[in-house]
N, C-alpha and C. Protein backbone atom coordinates (compact mmCIF):
# COMPACT_ATOMS: atom_id res chain seq x y z
N MET A 1 94.12 112.60 128.10
CA MET A 1 94.55 112.19 126.88
C MET A 1 94.41 113.06 125.33
N GLU A 2 93.73 114.52 125.91
CA GLU A 2 94.22 115.33 124.83
C GLU A 2 96.20 115.54 124.87
N GLU A 3 96.67 115.29 125.82
CA GLU A 3 98.37 115.17 125.59
C GLU A 3 98.69 114.57 124.77
N ARG A 4 97.70 113.18 124.67
CA ARG A 4 98.24 112.61 123.41
C ARG A 4 98.08 112.89 122.26
N LEU A 5 97.28 113.53 121.80
CA LEU A 5 96.76 113.91 120.82
C LEU A 5 97.88 115.20 120.47
N THR A 6 97.61 115.75 121.98
CA THR A 6 98.79 117.02 121.28
C THR A 6 100.58 116.20 120.89
N PHE A 7 101.23 115.09 121.44
CA PHE A 7 101.83 114.62 121.52
C PHE A 7 102.44 114.08 119.93
N VAL A 8 100.95 113.21 119.59
CA VAL A 8 101.31 112.70 117.69
C VAL A 8 101.24 113.75 116.88
N LEU A 9 100.65 115.01 117.16
CA LEU A 9 100.38 115.86 116.05
C LEU A 9 101.85 116.80 116.50
N GLU A 10 102.66 116.76 117.05
CA GLU A 10 103.82 117.39 117.38
C GLU A 10 104.46 116.42 116.68
N GLN A 11 104.35 115.35 116.69
CA GLN A 11 105.35 114.25 116.07
C GLN A 11 104.99 114.37 114.42
N LEU A 12 103.68 114.59 114.25
CA LEU A 12 103.28 114.53 113.19
C LEU A 12 103.65 115.75 112.31
N GLY A 13 103.95 116.90 113.39
CA GLY A 13 104.28 118.10 112.40
C GLY A 13 105.85 117.94 112.01
N SER A 14 106.55 117.59 113.05
CA SER A 14 107.98 117.09 112.65
C SER A 14 108.20 116.32 111.66
N ALA A 15 107.52 115.21 111.26
CA ALA A 15 107.83 114.25 110.17
C ALA A 15 107.42 115.14 109.44
N VAL A 16 106.21 115.81 109.14
CA VAL A 16 105.91 116.81 107.61
C VAL A 16 107.21 117.51 107.35
N ALA A 17 107.28 118.71 108.47
CA ALA A 17 108.36 119.65 107.91
C ALA A 17 109.82 118.54 107.76
N ASP A 18 110.05 117.56 108.06
CA ASP A 18 111.08 116.87 108.05
C ASP A 18 111.17 116.42 106.44
N PHE A 19 110.00 115.46 105.70
CA PHE A 19 109.60 115.30 104.60
C PHE A 19 109.87 116.48 103.39
N ASP A 20 109.15 117.58 104.03
CA ASP A 20 108.27 118.63 103.03
C ASP A 20 110.29 119.06 102.99
N HIS A 21 110.83 119.15 103.67
CA HIS A 21 112.33 120.23 103.78
C HIS A 21 113.20 119.07 102.52
N SER A 22 113.43 117.86 103.22
CA SER A 22 114.00 116.87 101.80
C SER A 22 114.02 117.10 100.67
N LEU A 23 112.45 117.29 100.38
CA LEU A 23 112.00 117.37 98.92
C LEU A 23 113.01 118.72 97.75
N THR A 24 113.32 119.58 99.02
CA THR A 24 113.89 120.90 98.41
C THR A 24 115.81 120.57 97.83
N ILE A 25 116.19 119.66 98.41
CA ILE A 25 117.48 119.01 98.08
C ILE A 25 117.39 118.81 96.63
N ASP A 26 118.43 119.83 95.72
CA ASP A 26 118.45 119.63 94.74
C ASP A 26 119.45 118.59 94.00
N GLN A 27 118.83 117.09 93.63
CA GLN A 27 119.60 116.28 93.26
C GLN A 27 120.09 116.14 92.03
N LYS A 28 120.49 117.30 91.04
CA LYS A 28 120.85 117.43 89.59
C LYS A 28 122.67 117.55 90.06
N SER A 29 123.15 118.70 91.35
CA SER A 29 124.81 118.35 91.24
C SER A 29 124.71 117.34 91.69
N LEU A 30 124.06 116.44 92.54
CA LEU A 30 125.13 115.37 93.42
C LEU A 30 125.36 114.01 92.15
N GLU A 31 126.12 113.40 92.93
CA GLU A 31 126.77 112.00 92.23
C GLU A 31 125.47 111.19 92.00
N GLU A 32 125.57 110.37 90.72
CA GLU A 32 124.34 109.55 91.05
C GLU A 32 123.89 108.69 92.15
N THR A 33 125.18 108.07 93.12
CA THR A 33 125.05 106.96 94.01
C THR A 33 124.45 107.99 95.24
N VAL A 34 125.34 109.79 95.52
CA VAL A 34 124.50 110.11 96.56
C VAL A 34 123.22 110.32 96.33
N ALA A 35 122.43 110.98 95.19
CA ALA A 35 121.13 111.16 94.86
C ALA A 35 120.40 110.08 95.17
N ASP A 36 120.96 108.61 94.91
CA ASP A 36 120.07 107.33 95.18
C ASP A 36 119.73 107.16 96.65
N ALA A 37 120.89 107.42 96.91
CA ALA A 37 120.84 107.74 98.57
C ALA A 37 119.67 108.84 99.08
N VAL A 38 119.78 110.08 98.84
CA VAL A 38 119.13 111.18 99.54
C VAL A 38 117.29 110.47 98.65
N ARG A 39 117.30 109.96 97.52
CA ARG A 39 115.91 109.65 97.45
C ARG A 39 115.13 108.03 98.44
N ASN A 40 116.18 107.75 98.63
CA ASN A 40 115.82 106.67 99.67
C ASN A 40 115.18 107.39 101.50
N GLY A 41 115.90 108.23 101.54
CA GLY A 41 116.05 108.99 102.41
C GLY A 41 114.78 109.55 102.77
N GLN A 42 114.53 110.33 101.27
CA GLN A 42 113.19 110.80 101.28
C GLN A 42 112.06 110.21 101.29
N ALA A 43 111.75 109.05 100.64
CA ALA A 43 110.62 107.81 100.52
C ALA A 43 110.81 107.48 102.14
N GLN A 44 111.61 107.06 102.89
CA GLN A 44 112.12 107.13 104.55
C GLN A 44 110.95 108.17 105.20
N LYS A 45 111.01 109.28 104.61
CA LYS A 45 110.77 110.85 105.33
C LYS A 45 109.16 110.89 104.93
N PHE A 46 108.45 110.12 103.48
CA PHE A 46 107.22 110.18 103.36
C PHE A 46 106.46 109.00 104.35
N GLU A 47 107.20 107.71 104.19
CA GLU A 47 107.08 106.31 104.89
C GLU A 47 106.63 106.90 106.55
N PHE A 48 107.54 107.92 107.13
CA PHE A 48 107.31 108.25 108.33
C PHE A 48 106.22 109.38 108.49
N ALA A 49 106.26 110.09 107.69
CA ALA A 49 105.18 110.93 107.30
C ALA A 49 103.50 110.69 107.50
N VAL A 50 103.44 109.70 106.09
CA VAL A 50 101.98 108.91 106.42
C VAL A 50 101.71 107.72 107.74
N GLU A 51 102.93 106.87 107.71
CA GLU A 51 102.64 106.60 108.91
C GLU A 51 101.57 107.40 110.39
N LEU A 52 102.72 108.70 110.53
CA LEU A 52 102.44 109.19 111.60
C LEU A 52 100.89 110.17 111.43
N PHE A 53 100.90 110.30 109.72
CA PHE A 53 99.17 110.69 109.67
C PHE A 53 98.25 110.30 110.12
N TRP A 54 97.95 108.60 109.58
CA TRP A 54 97.14 107.68 109.76
C TRP A 54 97.07 107.60 111.74
N LYS A 55 98.41 107.37 112.46
CA LYS A 55 98.42 107.40 113.62
C LYS A 55 97.29 108.93 114.59
N SER A 56 97.56 109.66 114.32
CA SER A 56 97.49 111.21 114.44
C SER A 56 95.91 111.12 114.03
N VAL A 57 95.55 110.76 113.21
CA VAL A 57 93.68 110.47 112.99
C VAL A 57 93.23 109.65 113.65
N LYS A 58 93.95 108.56 113.73
CA LYS A 58 93.08 107.43 114.94
C LYS A 58 93.48 107.77 116.01
N VAL A 59 93.89 108.82 116.84
CA VAL A 59 94.16 109.50 118.01
C VAL A 59 92.85 110.58 117.71
N PHE A 60 93.00 111.15 116.98
CA PHE A 60 92.11 112.65 116.64
C PHE A 60 90.44 111.97 117.04
N LEU A 61 90.28 111.10 116.27
CA LEU A 61 89.01 110.16 115.97
C LEU A 61 88.58 109.53 117.23
N LEU A 62 89.49 108.96 118.00
CA LEU A 62 89.03 108.59 119.25
C LEU A 62 88.53 109.78 119.90
N GLU A 63 89.99 110.75 120.32
CA GLU A 63 89.35 111.71 121.49
C GLU A 63 88.45 112.21 121.19
N GLN A 64 88.38 112.85 119.87
CA GLN A 64 87.10 114.08 119.75
C GLN A 64 85.92 113.25 118.99
N HIS A 65 86.11 112.21 118.55
CA HIS A 65 84.34 111.46 118.11
C HIS A 65 84.27 110.26 119.03
N GLY A 66 85.27 109.73 119.48
CA GLY A 66 84.59 108.45 120.13
C GLY A 66 84.68 106.83 119.53
N PHE A 67 85.68 107.33 118.03
CA PHE A 67 86.03 106.33 116.99
C PHE A 67 86.94 105.55 117.44
N ASP A 68 87.16 104.15 118.09
CA ASP A 68 88.19 103.92 118.01
C ASP A 68 88.42 102.56 116.95
N LEU A 69 88.97 103.07 115.99
CA LEU A 69 89.48 102.35 114.29
C LEU A 69 90.70 101.96 114.61
N ALA A 70 90.92 100.75 113.84
CA ALA A 70 92.03 99.88 114.04
C ALA A 70 93.08 99.77 112.66
N SER A 71 92.61 100.39 111.34
CA SER A 71 93.05 99.91 110.11
C SER A 71 93.49 101.43 110.01
N PRO A 72 94.84 101.77 109.05
CA PRO A 72 94.99 103.10 108.57
C PRO A 72 93.98 103.75 107.54
N LYS A 73 93.44 102.20 106.61
CA LYS A 73 92.22 102.97 105.58
C LYS A 73 91.04 103.00 105.88
N SER A 74 90.67 102.67 107.30
CA SER A 74 89.16 102.85 107.81
C SER A 74 89.14 104.12 108.77
N SER A 75 90.80 104.59 108.85
CA SER A 75 90.53 106.16 110.13
C SER A 75 90.39 107.17 109.23
N VAL A 76 91.40 106.43 108.06
CA VAL A 76 90.95 108.20 106.69
C VAL A 76 89.54 108.06 106.14
N LYS A 77 89.28 107.18 105.70
CA LYS A 77 87.77 107.08 105.57
C LYS A 77 86.93 107.93 106.54
N LYS A 78 87.10 107.08 107.84
CA LYS A 78 86.20 108.28 108.79
C LYS A 78 86.45 109.60 108.79
N TYR A 79 87.91 109.78 108.71
CA TYR A 79 88.35 111.32 108.50
C TYR A 79 87.61 111.88 107.63
N PHE A 80 87.35 111.46 106.11
CA PHE A 80 86.70 112.01 105.33
C PHE A 80 85.40 112.19 105.81
N GLU A 81 84.50 111.26 106.24
CA GLU A 81 83.00 111.04 106.08
C GLU A 81 82.49 111.95 107.41
N LEU A 82 83.58 112.24 108.09
CA LEU A 82 83.36 113.42 109.10
C LEU A 82 83.64 115.19 108.47
N GLY A 83 83.82 114.98 107.13
CA GLY A 83 83.95 116.02 106.28
C GLY A 83 85.75 116.56 106.56
N TYR A 84 86.32 116.31 107.42
CA TYR A 84 87.99 116.87 107.50
C TYR A 84 88.77 116.65 106.45
N VAL A 85 88.68 116.36 105.24
CA VAL A 85 89.21 116.48 104.61
C VAL A 85 88.01 116.54 103.00
N GLY A 86 88.53 116.67 101.65
CA GLY A 86 87.59 116.29 100.74
C GLY A 86 87.93 115.07 99.79
N TYR A 87 87.16 115.00 99.09
CA TYR A 87 86.86 113.79 98.37
C TYR A 87 88.58 113.26 97.97
N ASP A 88 88.88 114.51 97.01
CA ASP A 88 89.83 114.40 96.66
C ASP A 88 91.21 114.36 97.31
N GLU A 89 91.36 114.73 98.56
CA GLU A 89 92.50 114.62 99.52
C GLU A 89 92.30 112.86 100.13
N CYS A 90 90.91 112.58 100.41
CA CYS A 90 90.72 111.52 100.77
C CYS A 90 91.54 110.30 99.74
N GLU A 91 91.38 110.20 98.44
CA GLU A 91 91.87 109.34 97.64
C GLU A 91 93.37 109.51 97.78
N ARG A 92 93.81 110.44 97.66
CA ARG A 92 95.33 111.21 98.00
C ARG A 92 95.92 110.57 99.08
N LEU A 93 95.55 110.41 99.98
CA LEU A 93 95.61 109.74 101.62
C LEU A 93 95.43 108.30 101.34
N LEU A 94 94.79 107.88 100.73
CA LEU A 94 94.19 106.23 100.98
C LEU A 94 95.51 105.82 99.84
N ARG A 95 95.79 106.69 98.85
CA ARG A 95 96.85 106.13 97.88
C ARG A 95 98.18 106.18 98.64
N ALA A 96 98.58 107.42 99.36
CA ALA A 96 99.82 107.55 100.12
C ALA A 96 99.83 106.17 100.79
N LEU A 97 99.10 105.55 101.57
CA LEU A 97 99.03 104.27 102.35
C LEU A 97 99.36 103.02 101.62
N ASP A 98 99.18 103.42 100.16
CA ASP A 98 99.34 101.73 99.37
C ASP A 98 100.91 102.36 99.04
N ILE A 99 101.27 103.45 98.53
CA ILE A 99 102.37 103.56 98.46
C ILE A 99 103.69 103.20 99.87
N ARG A 100 103.32 103.37 100.78
CA ARG A 100 103.45 103.05 101.96
C ARG A 100 104.10 101.87 101.89
N ASN A 101 103.03 101.10 101.69
CA ASN A 101 102.81 99.95 102.07
C ASN A 101 103.60 98.88 100.63
N SER A 102 103.87 99.94 99.82
CA SER A 102 104.05 99.02 98.92
C SER A 102 106.16 99.42 98.87
N LEU A 103 106.39 100.35 99.13
CA LEU A 103 107.35 100.97 99.25
C LEU A 103 108.43 99.45 100.33
N SER A 104 107.47 98.87 100.98
CA SER A 104 108.46 97.87 101.99
C SER A 104 108.38 96.51 101.17
N HIS A 105 107.71 96.81 99.94
CA HIS A 105 108.27 95.43 99.22
C HIS A 105 109.03 95.66 97.99
N VAL A 106 109.56 96.79 97.72
CA VAL A 106 110.16 96.93 96.28
C VAL A 106 111.36 96.45 96.47
N TYR A 107 111.41 95.72 95.33
CA TYR A 107 112.57 94.82 94.87
C TYR A 107 113.23 95.06 93.77
N LYS A 108 112.64 96.21 92.91
CA LYS A 108 113.14 96.24 91.39
C LYS A 108 113.37 97.77 91.31
N LYS A 109 114.22 98.83 91.07
CA LYS A 109 114.32 99.99 90.90
C LYS A 109 113.61 100.74 90.26
N GLU A 110 113.03 99.89 89.13
CA GLU A 110 112.14 100.57 88.43
C GLU A 110 110.47 100.93 89.23
N ASN A 111 110.20 100.01 90.12
CA ASN A 111 108.99 100.28 90.38
C ASN A 111 109.53 101.07 92.14
N PHE A 112 110.54 101.27 92.41
CA PHE A 112 110.84 102.34 93.37
C PHE A 112 110.91 103.63 92.45
N ASN A 113 111.43 104.05 91.60
CA ASN A 113 111.24 105.18 90.67
C ASN A 113 109.70 105.46 90.34
N THR A 114 109.18 104.55 90.05
CA THR A 114 107.54 104.75 90.15
C THR A 114 106.98 105.20 91.04
N LEU A 115 107.06 104.43 92.17
CA LEU A 115 106.52 105.57 93.82
C LEU A 115 107.43 106.41 93.97
N TYR A 116 108.29 107.06 93.20
CA TYR A 116 109.10 108.26 93.78
C TYR A 116 108.39 108.98 93.32
N ALA A 117 108.10 108.73 92.25
CA ALA A 117 107.65 109.61 91.80
C ALA A 117 106.46 110.52 91.66
N GLU A 118 105.31 109.67 92.05
CA GLU A 118 104.25 109.75 93.01
C GLU A 118 104.62 110.56 94.50
N ILE A 119 105.78 109.95 95.46
CA ILE A 119 106.11 110.96 96.38
C ILE A 119 106.24 112.16 96.55
N ILE A 120 107.02 112.64 95.14
CA ILE A 120 107.24 113.75 95.54
C ILE A 120 106.49 114.37 95.39
N GLU A 121 105.23 114.42 94.75
CA GLU A 121 103.93 114.89 94.72
C GLU A 121 103.31 115.30 96.18
N TYR A 122 103.79 114.44 97.35
CA TYR A 122 102.99 114.76 98.25
C TYR A 122 103.40 116.15 99.50
N ARG A 123 104.34 116.86 98.53
CA ARG A 123 105.26 118.08 99.13
C ARG A 123 104.16 119.04 99.64
N GLY A 124 104.29 119.32 100.89
CA GLY A 124 103.05 120.57 100.85
C GLY A 124 101.67 119.62 100.98
N PHE A 125 101.31 118.56 101.35
CA PHE A 125 100.00 117.85 100.80
C PHE A 125 99.58 117.58 102.48
N PHE A 126 100.48 117.50 103.29
CA PHE A 126 100.08 116.70 104.85
C PHE A 126 99.32 117.82 105.55
N GLU A 127 100.33 118.66 105.23
CA GLU A 127 100.04 119.80 106.21
C GLU A 127 98.90 120.53 106.32
N GLY A 128 98.18 120.26 104.96
CA GLY A 128 97.28 120.76 104.74
C GLY A 128 95.80 119.58 104.95
N ALA A 129 95.90 118.83 104.69
CA ALA A 129 95.19 117.58 105.07
C ALA A 129 95.12 117.27 106.78
N SER A 130 96.37 117.65 107.37
CA SER A 130 95.74 117.55 109.16
C SER A 130 95.33 118.86 109.61
N ALA A 131 94.83 119.87 108.91
CA ALA A 131 94.68 121.46 109.48
C ALA A 131 93.64 120.69 110.65
N GLY A 132 92.40 120.35 109.72
CA GLY A 132 91.15 119.32 110.30
C GLY A 132 92.05 119.29 112.08
N MET A 133 92.80 118.24 112.13
CA MET A 133 93.15 118.16 113.72
C MET A 133 93.56 119.01 114.72
N GLY A 134 94.20 120.28 113.98
CA GLY A 134 94.73 121.36 114.84
C GLY A 134 95.58 121.96 114.15
N SER A 135 96.68 121.38 114.50
CA SER A 135 98.30 121.99 114.21
C SER A 135 99.04 120.67 113.97
N ALA A 136 99.96 120.70 113.22
CA ALA A 136 100.60 119.61 112.34
C ALA A 136 101.82 120.02 111.76
């Protein structure tokens, strides 16, 4: 069973590194259409990181504590209850899940830009939030 946890944590580590690295791109020198494509790619990498984070938490909670939780939010809340993240980190993780869900339903550029402004604030966040599970 621990092989599964190792596998998902490796995937999470890669996704988090890709997301964080994508945010180092200096968009100021890019043509607007290229910058737009970069922002969309960064948003997708954010979605991957969030998805793999909660799935890693789910596997971690099952393997280490015996909790078999079905939903992303219940998994994050239990991770908090067990002391792996503080209240503020838990709130940010829950907000990340909301952002991920909203990105699937964005039809207006203004909505995307508002969400994107929040996404870029997550650079470096997931690595710290996942520290309680081992390495990511």
